[in-house]
Protein backbone atom coordinates (compact mmCIF):
# COMPACT_ATOMS: atom_id res chain seq x y z
CA MET A 1 -27.96 -12.17 -1.38
CA LYS A 2 -29.55 -13.16 -4.68
CA LYS A 3 -27.39 -10.58 -6.41
CA TRP A 4 -24.28 -12.66 -5.69
CA LEU A 5 -25.90 -15.96 -6.68
CA ASN A 6 -27.03 -15.10 -10.20
CA PRO A 7 -25.13 -16.87 -13.02
CA ARG A 8 -23.46 -13.72 -14.33
CA SER A 9 -21.96 -12.82 -10.94
CA ALA A 10 -20.92 -16.41 -10.30
CA PHE A 11 -19.19 -16.58 -13.68
CA GLY A 12 -17.36 -13.30 -13.03
CA ILE A 13 -16.15 -14.46 -9.61
CA ALA A 14 -15.02 -17.81 -11.04
CA LEU A 15 -13.15 -16.09 -13.89
CA ILE A 16 -11.34 -13.70 -11.53
CA SER A 17 -10.45 -16.60 -9.21
CA VAL A 18 -8.95 -18.64 -12.04
CA ALA A 19 -6.97 -15.61 -13.25
CA LEU A 20 -5.59 -14.92 -9.76
CA VAL A 21 -4.54 -18.56 -9.32
CA ALA A 22 -2.90 -18.76 -12.76
CA LEU A 23 -1.18 -15.35 -12.63
CA PRO A 24 1.95 -16.30 -10.58
CA PHE A 25 2.60 -19.32 -12.81
CA VAL A 26 2.26 -17.23 -15.97
CA ALA A 27 4.53 -14.55 -14.50
CA ALA A 28 7.10 -17.21 -13.52
CA MET A 29 7.61 -17.99 -17.22
CA GLY A 30 9.40 -14.63 -17.42
CA GLY A 31 11.40 -15.32 -14.26
CA GLN A 32 10.79 -15.15 -10.52
CA ALA A 33 11.48 -11.39 -10.65
CA TRP A 34 8.05 -10.89 -12.21
CA VAL A 35 6.40 -12.90 -9.44
CA ARG A 36 8.10 -10.63 -6.90
CA ILE A 37 6.77 -7.63 -8.81
CA LEU A 38 3.27 -9.08 -8.40
CA ASP A 39 3.91 -9.53 -4.67
CA PHE A 40 4.92 -5.91 -4.31
CA ALA A 41 1.92 -4.82 -6.37
CA ILE A 42 -0.36 -6.47 -3.79
CA LEU A 43 1.61 -4.84 -0.96
CA TYR A 44 1.02 -1.47 -2.60
CA VAL A 45 -2.69 -2.32 -2.81
CA PHE A 46 -2.63 -2.67 1.00
CA LEU A 47 -0.89 0.67 1.38
CA ALA A 48 -3.10 2.47 -1.14
CA LEU A 49 -6.29 1.17 0.50
CA GLY A 50 -5.02 2.30 3.88
CA LEU A 51 -4.17 5.77 2.61
CA ASN A 52 -7.50 5.90 0.81
CA ILE A 53 -9.25 5.84 4.18
CA VAL A 54 -7.41 9.00 5.19
CA VAL A 55 -7.31 10.82 1.85
CA GLY A 56 -10.23 9.37 -0.11
CA PHE A 57 -12.84 8.83 2.61
CA ALA A 58 -11.97 11.51 5.18
CA GLY A 59 -10.35 14.05 2.83
CA LEU A 60 -7.19 14.48 4.95
CA LEU A 61 -4.03 14.96 2.88
CA ASP A 62 -1.30 12.70 4.31
CA LEU A 63 2.25 12.77 2.90
CA GLY A 64 3.82 10.76 5.73
CA TYR A 65 1.96 7.50 5.30
CA ILE A 66 5.16 5.55 4.67
CA ALA A 67 5.99 6.01 8.39
CA PHE A 68 3.35 3.44 9.34
CA TYR A 69 4.80 1.02 6.79
CA ALA A 70 8.17 1.48 8.51
CA VAL A 71 6.69 0.87 11.97
CA GLY A 72 5.16 -2.43 10.84
CA ALA A 73 8.35 -3.52 9.08
CA TYR A 74 10.59 -2.78 12.06
CA ALA A 75 8.12 -4.43 14.44
CA TRP A 76 8.49 -7.67 12.47
CA ALA A 77 12.26 -7.24 12.12
CA LEU A 78 12.79 -6.78 15.86
CA LEU A 79 10.43 -9.57 16.93
CA ALA A 80 11.48 -12.17 14.34
CA SER A 81 15.25 -12.00 13.83
CA PRO A 82 18.54 -12.75 15.60
CA HIS A 83 18.92 -9.02 16.37
CA PHE A 84 17.35 -9.47 19.82
CA GLY A 85 17.15 -13.25 19.62
CA ILE A 86 13.33 -13.15 19.40
CA HIS A 87 11.46 -15.37 16.96
CA TRP A 88 7.73 -14.89 17.45
CA PRO A 89 5.11 -16.33 15.04
CA ILE A 90 3.08 -14.39 12.50
CA TRP A 91 -0.14 -14.49 14.51
CA ALA A 92 1.60 -12.58 17.32
CA ILE A 93 3.71 -10.13 15.31
CA LEU A 94 1.20 -8.88 12.73
CA PRO A 95 -1.33 -7.68 15.36
CA ILE A 96 1.50 -6.01 17.29
CA GLY A 97 2.75 -4.28 14.12
CA ALA A 98 -0.77 -3.16 13.23
CA GLY A 99 -1.33 -1.94 16.80
CA LEU A 100 1.92 0.04 16.93
CA ALA A 101 1.15 1.60 13.54
CA CYS A 102 -2.35 2.43 14.82
CA ILE A 103 -0.85 4.20 17.85
CA ALA A 104 1.53 6.08 15.51
CA GLY A 105 -1.50 7.13 13.45
CA VAL A 106 -3.20 8.54 16.55
CA LEU A 107 0.01 10.34 17.54
CA LEU A 108 0.13 11.91 14.08
CA GLY A 109 -3.55 12.76 14.01
CA SER A 110 -3.85 14.29 17.50
CA PRO A 111 -1.82 17.48 16.90
CA THR A 112 -3.15 17.95 13.37
CA LEU A 113 -6.90 17.91 14.03
CA LYS A 114 -7.34 21.59 13.19
CA LEU A 115 -5.13 21.52 10.11
CA ARG A 116 -6.29 20.98 6.54
CA GLY A 117 -4.90 21.14 3.04
CA ASP A 118 -1.32 22.29 2.55
CA TYR A 119 -0.66 22.74 6.27
CA LEU A 120 -1.70 19.18 7.04
CA ALA A 121 0.42 17.91 4.15
CA ILE A 122 3.53 19.67 5.48
CA VAL A 123 3.05 18.34 9.03
CA THR A 124 2.47 14.74 7.87
CA LEU A 125 5.46 15.00 5.53
CA GLY A 126 7.60 16.00 8.49
CA PHE A 127 6.24 13.11 10.56
CA GLY A 128 7.24 10.61 7.87
CA GLU A 129 10.75 12.01 7.71
CA ILE A 130 11.06 12.04 11.51
CA VAL A 131 10.26 8.32 11.67
CA ARG A 132 12.77 7.49 8.93
CA ILE A 133 15.54 9.54 10.59
CA PHE A 134 14.60 8.07 13.97
CA MET A 135 15.06 4.54 12.60
CA ASN A 136 18.32 5.60 10.98
CA ASN A 137 19.80 6.94 14.22
CA LEU A 138 18.42 4.55 16.82
CA ASN A 139 21.65 2.53 17.05
CA ALA A 140 23.19 4.48 19.94
CA PRO A 141 23.49 4.52 22.90
CA ILE A 142 21.39 1.32 22.66
CA ASN A 143 21.37 -0.44 19.33
CA VAL A 144 17.68 -0.93 18.63
CA THR A 145 17.38 -0.62 14.84
CA ASN A 146 21.02 -1.16 13.78
CA GLY A 147 20.93 2.28 12.18
CA PRO A 148 21.64 2.68 8.46
CA GLN A 149 22.98 -0.88 8.23
CA GLY A 150 19.49 -2.25 8.77
CA ILE A 151 18.38 -5.56 10.24
CA THR A 152 19.20 -8.78 8.41
CA LEU A 153 18.33 -12.49 8.65
CA ILE A 154 14.67 -11.69 9.38
CA ASP A 155 12.48 -14.77 9.75
CA PRO A 156 10.13 -15.52 6.84
CA VAL A 157 6.44 -16.11 7.39
CA MET A 158 5.80 -19.55 8.84
CA ILE A 159 2.34 -21.01 9.49
CA GLY A 160 2.55 -24.25 11.41
CA GLY A 161 5.42 -26.09 9.80
CA PHE A 162 4.90 -24.46 6.40
CA LYS A 163 7.63 -21.96 5.55
CA PHE A 164 6.99 -19.35 2.85
CA SER A 165 10.64 -19.03 1.82
CA GLY A 166 12.41 -21.45 -0.51
CA ASN A 167 10.86 -24.00 -2.83
CA THR A 168 8.12 -26.39 -1.74
CA THR A 169 6.53 -29.25 -3.68
CA LEU A 170 2.79 -29.68 -3.19
CA PHE A 171 0.80 -32.31 -5.09
CA GLY A 172 3.64 -32.63 -7.58
CA LEU A 173 3.75 -28.88 -8.18
CA THR A 174 6.85 -26.90 -7.16
CA LEU A 175 6.12 -23.50 -5.64
CA SER A 176 8.85 -20.90 -5.20
CA GLY A 177 9.03 -18.51 -2.25
CA PRO A 178 7.60 -15.55 -4.20
CA GLN A 179 4.73 -17.70 -5.45
CA LYS A 180 3.86 -18.83 -1.93
CA TYR A 181 3.94 -15.24 -0.71
CA TYR A 182 1.70 -14.29 -3.63
CA PHE A 183 -1.10 -16.57 -2.45
CA LEU A 184 -0.71 -15.37 1.14
CA LEU A 185 -0.87 -11.76 -0.02
CA VAL A 186 -3.94 -12.40 -2.18
CA ALA A 187 -5.74 -13.91 0.82
CA LEU A 188 -4.81 -10.91 2.99
CA ALA A 189 -5.78 -8.51 0.19
CA ILE A 190 -9.25 -10.03 -0.07
CA LEU A 191 -9.68 -9.58 3.68
CA VAL A 192 -8.48 -5.94 3.51
CA ILE A 193 -10.84 -5.18 0.61
CA ILE A 194 -13.81 -6.67 2.51
CA ILE A 195 -12.95 -4.55 5.57
CA ASN A 196 -12.70 -1.43 3.39
CA LEU A 197 -16.06 -2.11 1.75
CA ARG A 198 -17.69 -2.63 5.13
CA LEU A 199 -16.14 0.58 6.45
CA GLN A 200 -17.22 2.58 3.41
CA ASN A 201 -20.85 1.51 3.77
CA SER A 202 -20.97 1.90 7.55
CA ARG A 203 -22.00 4.88 9.66
CA ILE A 204 -18.32 5.61 10.24
CA GLY A 205 -17.66 5.65 6.50
CA ARG A 206 -20.52 8.06 5.91
CA ALA A 207 -19.20 10.26 8.72
CA TRP A 208 -15.77 10.35 7.02
CA GLN A 209 -17.39 11.36 3.75
CA ALA A 210 -19.38 14.09 5.51
CA ILE A 211 -16.16 15.49 6.99
CA ARG A 212 -14.54 15.37 3.56
CA GLU A 213 -17.35 17.34 1.97
CA ASP A 214 -17.87 19.95 4.73
CA GLU A 215 -16.37 19.55 8.19
CA ILE A 216 -18.35 22.45 9.67
CA ALA A 217 -21.64 21.02 8.43
CA ALA A 218 -20.64 17.57 9.72
CA LYS A 219 -19.97 19.00 13.17
CA ALA A 220 -23.28 20.89 13.06
CA VAL A 221 -25.28 17.67 12.53
CA GLY A 222 -23.67 16.04 15.56
CA ILE A 223 -20.67 14.15 14.17
CA ASN A 224 -17.74 14.03 16.59
CA THR A 225 -15.21 15.18 14.02
CA ARG A 226 -12.26 14.84 16.41
CA ASN A 227 -12.78 11.15 17.13
CA ILE A 228 -13.80 10.31 13.58
CA LYS A 229 -10.68 11.93 12.11
CA LEU A 230 -8.46 10.15 14.65
CA LEU A 231 -10.16 6.89 13.72
CA ALA A 232 -9.36 7.52 10.05
CA PHE A 233 -5.67 8.00 10.84
CA ALA A 234 -5.64 4.93 13.09
CA MET A 235 -7.46 2.61 10.66
CA GLY A 236 -5.39 3.73 7.69
CA ALA A 237 -2.16 3.30 9.67
CA SER A 238 -3.04 -0.24 10.73
CA PHE A 239 -3.13 -1.40 7.10
CA GLY A 240 0.29 0.15 6.58
CA GLY A 241 1.60 -1.73 9.62
CA ILE A 242 0.37 -5.07 8.27
CA ALA A 243 1.93 -4.38 4.87
CA GLY A 244 5.22 -3.42 6.53
CA GLY A 245 5.35 -6.67 8.48
CA VAL A 246 4.84 -8.81 5.39
CA PHE A 247 7.39 -6.68 3.52
CA ALA A 248 10.05 -7.38 6.18
CA ALA A 249 9.32 -11.11 6.09
CA MET A 250 9.50 -11.22 2.28
CA GLN A 251 12.72 -9.25 2.03
CA GLY A 252 14.52 -10.74 5.03
CA PHE A 253 16.06 -7.30 5.48
CA VAL A 254 14.89 -3.79 6.36
CA SER A 255 16.71 -0.47 6.43
CA PRO A 256 15.60 3.20 6.60
CA GLU A 257 16.26 3.67 2.86
CA SER A 258 13.14 1.64 2.06
CA PHE A 259 10.88 4.28 3.66
CA SER A 260 11.74 7.50 1.86
CA LEU A 261 9.45 10.43 1.03
CA MET A 262 9.29 9.25 -2.58
CA GLU A 263 7.47 6.12 -1.42
CA SER A 264 4.80 8.22 0.33
CA ILE A 265 4.34 10.33 -2.79
CA MET A 266 4.05 7.20 -4.94
CA ILE A 267 1.33 5.74 -2.69
CA LEU A 268 -0.58 9.04 -2.77
CA ALA A 269 -0.28 9.05 -6.57
CA MET A 270 -1.83 5.57 -6.65
CA VAL A 271 -4.86 6.80 -4.74
CA VAL A 272 -5.28 9.96 -6.83
CA LEU A 273 -4.60 8.28 -10.17
CA GLY A 274 -6.97 5.38 -9.53
CA GLY A 275 -9.80 7.50 -8.12
CA MET A 276 -9.92 8.86 -4.58
CA GLY A 277 -12.55 7.25 -2.40
CA HIS A 278 -13.34 4.50 -4.91
CA ILE A 279 -11.95 1.14 -3.79
CA PRO A 280 -11.79 -0.56 -7.25
CA GLY A 281 -10.12 2.57 -8.67
CA VAL A 282 -7.55 2.66 -5.86
CA ILE A 283 -6.71 -1.01 -6.50
CA LEU A 284 -6.30 -0.28 -10.21
CA GLY A 285 -4.04 2.70 -9.49
CA ALA A 286 -1.87 0.67 -7.09
CA VAL A 287 -1.41 -2.18 -9.57
CA LEU A 288 -0.64 0.13 -12.49
CA LEU A 289 1.85 2.34 -10.66
CA SER A 290 3.69 -0.63 -9.17
CA VAL A 291 3.85 -2.81 -12.29
CA LEU A 292 4.24 -0.14 -15.02
CA PRO A 293 7.58 1.28 -13.78
CA GLU A 294 9.06 -2.23 -13.63
CA ALA A 295 7.77 -3.04 -17.10
CA LEU A 296 9.40 0.16 -18.34
CA ARG A 297 12.62 -0.76 -16.50
CA TYR A 298 12.87 -4.01 -18.45
CA GLY A 299 11.52 -2.65 -21.73
CA VAL A 300 13.09 0.80 -22.22
CA GLY A 301 16.65 -0.46 -22.75
CA PRO A 302 15.85 -3.16 -25.34
CA ALA A 303 13.46 -0.77 -27.13
CA GLN A 304 16.25 1.80 -27.61
CA THR A 305 18.62 -0.90 -28.83
CA ALA A 306 16.05 -2.18 -31.33
CA LEU A 307 15.27 1.30 -32.68
CA PHE A 308 18.70 2.99 -32.63
CA GLY A 309 21.17 0.15 -32.30
CA LYS A 310 22.37 1.49 -28.93
CA GLN A 311 21.11 3.02 -25.72
CA LEU A 312 20.98 6.80 -26.12
CA VAL A 313 19.51 7.58 -22.70
CA ASP A 314 20.05 5.81 -19.40
CA PRO A 315 17.12 3.37 -19.04
CA GLU A 316 16.43 4.39 -15.43
CA SER A 317 16.19 8.11 -16.32
CA LEU A 318 14.06 7.44 -19.39
CA ARG A 319 11.84 5.10 -17.39
CA MET A 320 11.00 7.83 -14.88
CA LEU A 321 10.52 10.37 -17.70
CA VAL A 322 7.99 8.15 -19.48
CA PHE A 323 6.34 7.30 -16.17
CA GLY A 324 6.02 10.97 -15.17
CA LEU A 325 4.68 11.93 -18.61
CA ALA A 326 2.04 9.21 -18.36
CA LEU A 327 0.93 10.57 -14.97
CA VAL A 328 0.66 14.12 -16.34
CA LEU A 329 -1.42 12.98 -19.31
CA VAL A 330 -3.76 10.93 -17.15
CA MET A 331 -4.31 13.82 -14.75
CA ARG A 332 -4.87 16.17 -17.69
CA PHE A 333 -7.50 14.08 -19.42
CA LYS A 334 -8.88 12.08 -16.45
CA PRO A 335 -8.76 14.50 -13.49
CA ALA A 336 -11.08 12.31 -11.40
CA GLY A 337 -8.81 9.30 -11.86
CA LEU A 338 -8.86 6.28 -14.12
CA TRP A 339 -11.81 4.70 -12.30
CA PRO A 340 -13.55 7.38 -10.23
CA SER A 341 -16.61 6.86 -8.08
CA PRO A 342 -19.94 7.93 -9.63
CA GLU A 343 -20.24 10.71 -7.02
CA ARG A 344 -16.82 12.12 -7.94
CA LYS A 345 -17.64 12.06 -11.66
CA ARG A 346 -20.91 13.86 -10.99
CA GLU A 347 -19.18 16.53 -8.87
CA LEU A 348 -16.64 17.26 -11.60
CA ALA A 349 -19.37 17.41 -14.25
CA GLU A 350 -21.32 19.93 -12.12
CA LYS A 351 -18.22 22.10 -11.66
CA LYS A 352 -17.58 22.16 -15.42
CA ALA A 353 -21.20 23.09 -16.05
């Protein structure tokens, strides 16, 4: 306990707190679009931390993680919109979304318990695509998801009488919808990070790491690898379900196009780039890979105009080219990630030796 009460730690916590509070107001100087980018960066932190349980802790390659995001988003859309005339509150919908995503995680994990590596990746990839296609076609004979048209007019988050959409004036300070969502997401992110830290340092977390290192040895020392692997899928999926619910509330609209394979690959890249199994590294990877592409989107066009007097290459194509090149360079020179765990760094050093 004394470790957290010393002046240096207290100063660091206070500095981070002030930065987090000031960040949405600084971003708003460049427009509300930048505040929304921050909101989505925190959503990707949720998703990356959830996938890190499966990939980083348990060592199970999952390319269909976006399916759980879709389950949470559609759970909110169906239970808080005029589509079925249901308007439940956040405290009821978020647990339901997390629970449904958890069940989906178990359904994915059950038939894949004996698969590893490339085979597991192919099966999970197929699962993610099945969920997306299922949502896209579930508009007949009974219209459940409204098919490719998506669900609109989704209720925003409301706690008591406080609505998180639109502008609100508090203590003489006007907060926009994205800014209000930012503070809600930061509070949820802190809770998710605490849960992840507790899991990592628990007996379950150590069992996941044992399975990641050597599943046969883990089974030999008495670890129930079947249940522990299913728990990894279920816990990781639940975070995706929560993120999906908040996403639906923020957007006010969901459709199958938001849950493509590219999104799953991007989330996996966040985990690998930041540092698999290392929570601070995963957070760093999620923030970088969600903010950097948007910064390039706004900066590539003006940069070409300033240098050449016109745009030689389509900004969107050049943005992805620069983004992909940056990923290749990072993986070439930092194979363990930008902020790897000490154990991972030591393993790579031993392999090189």
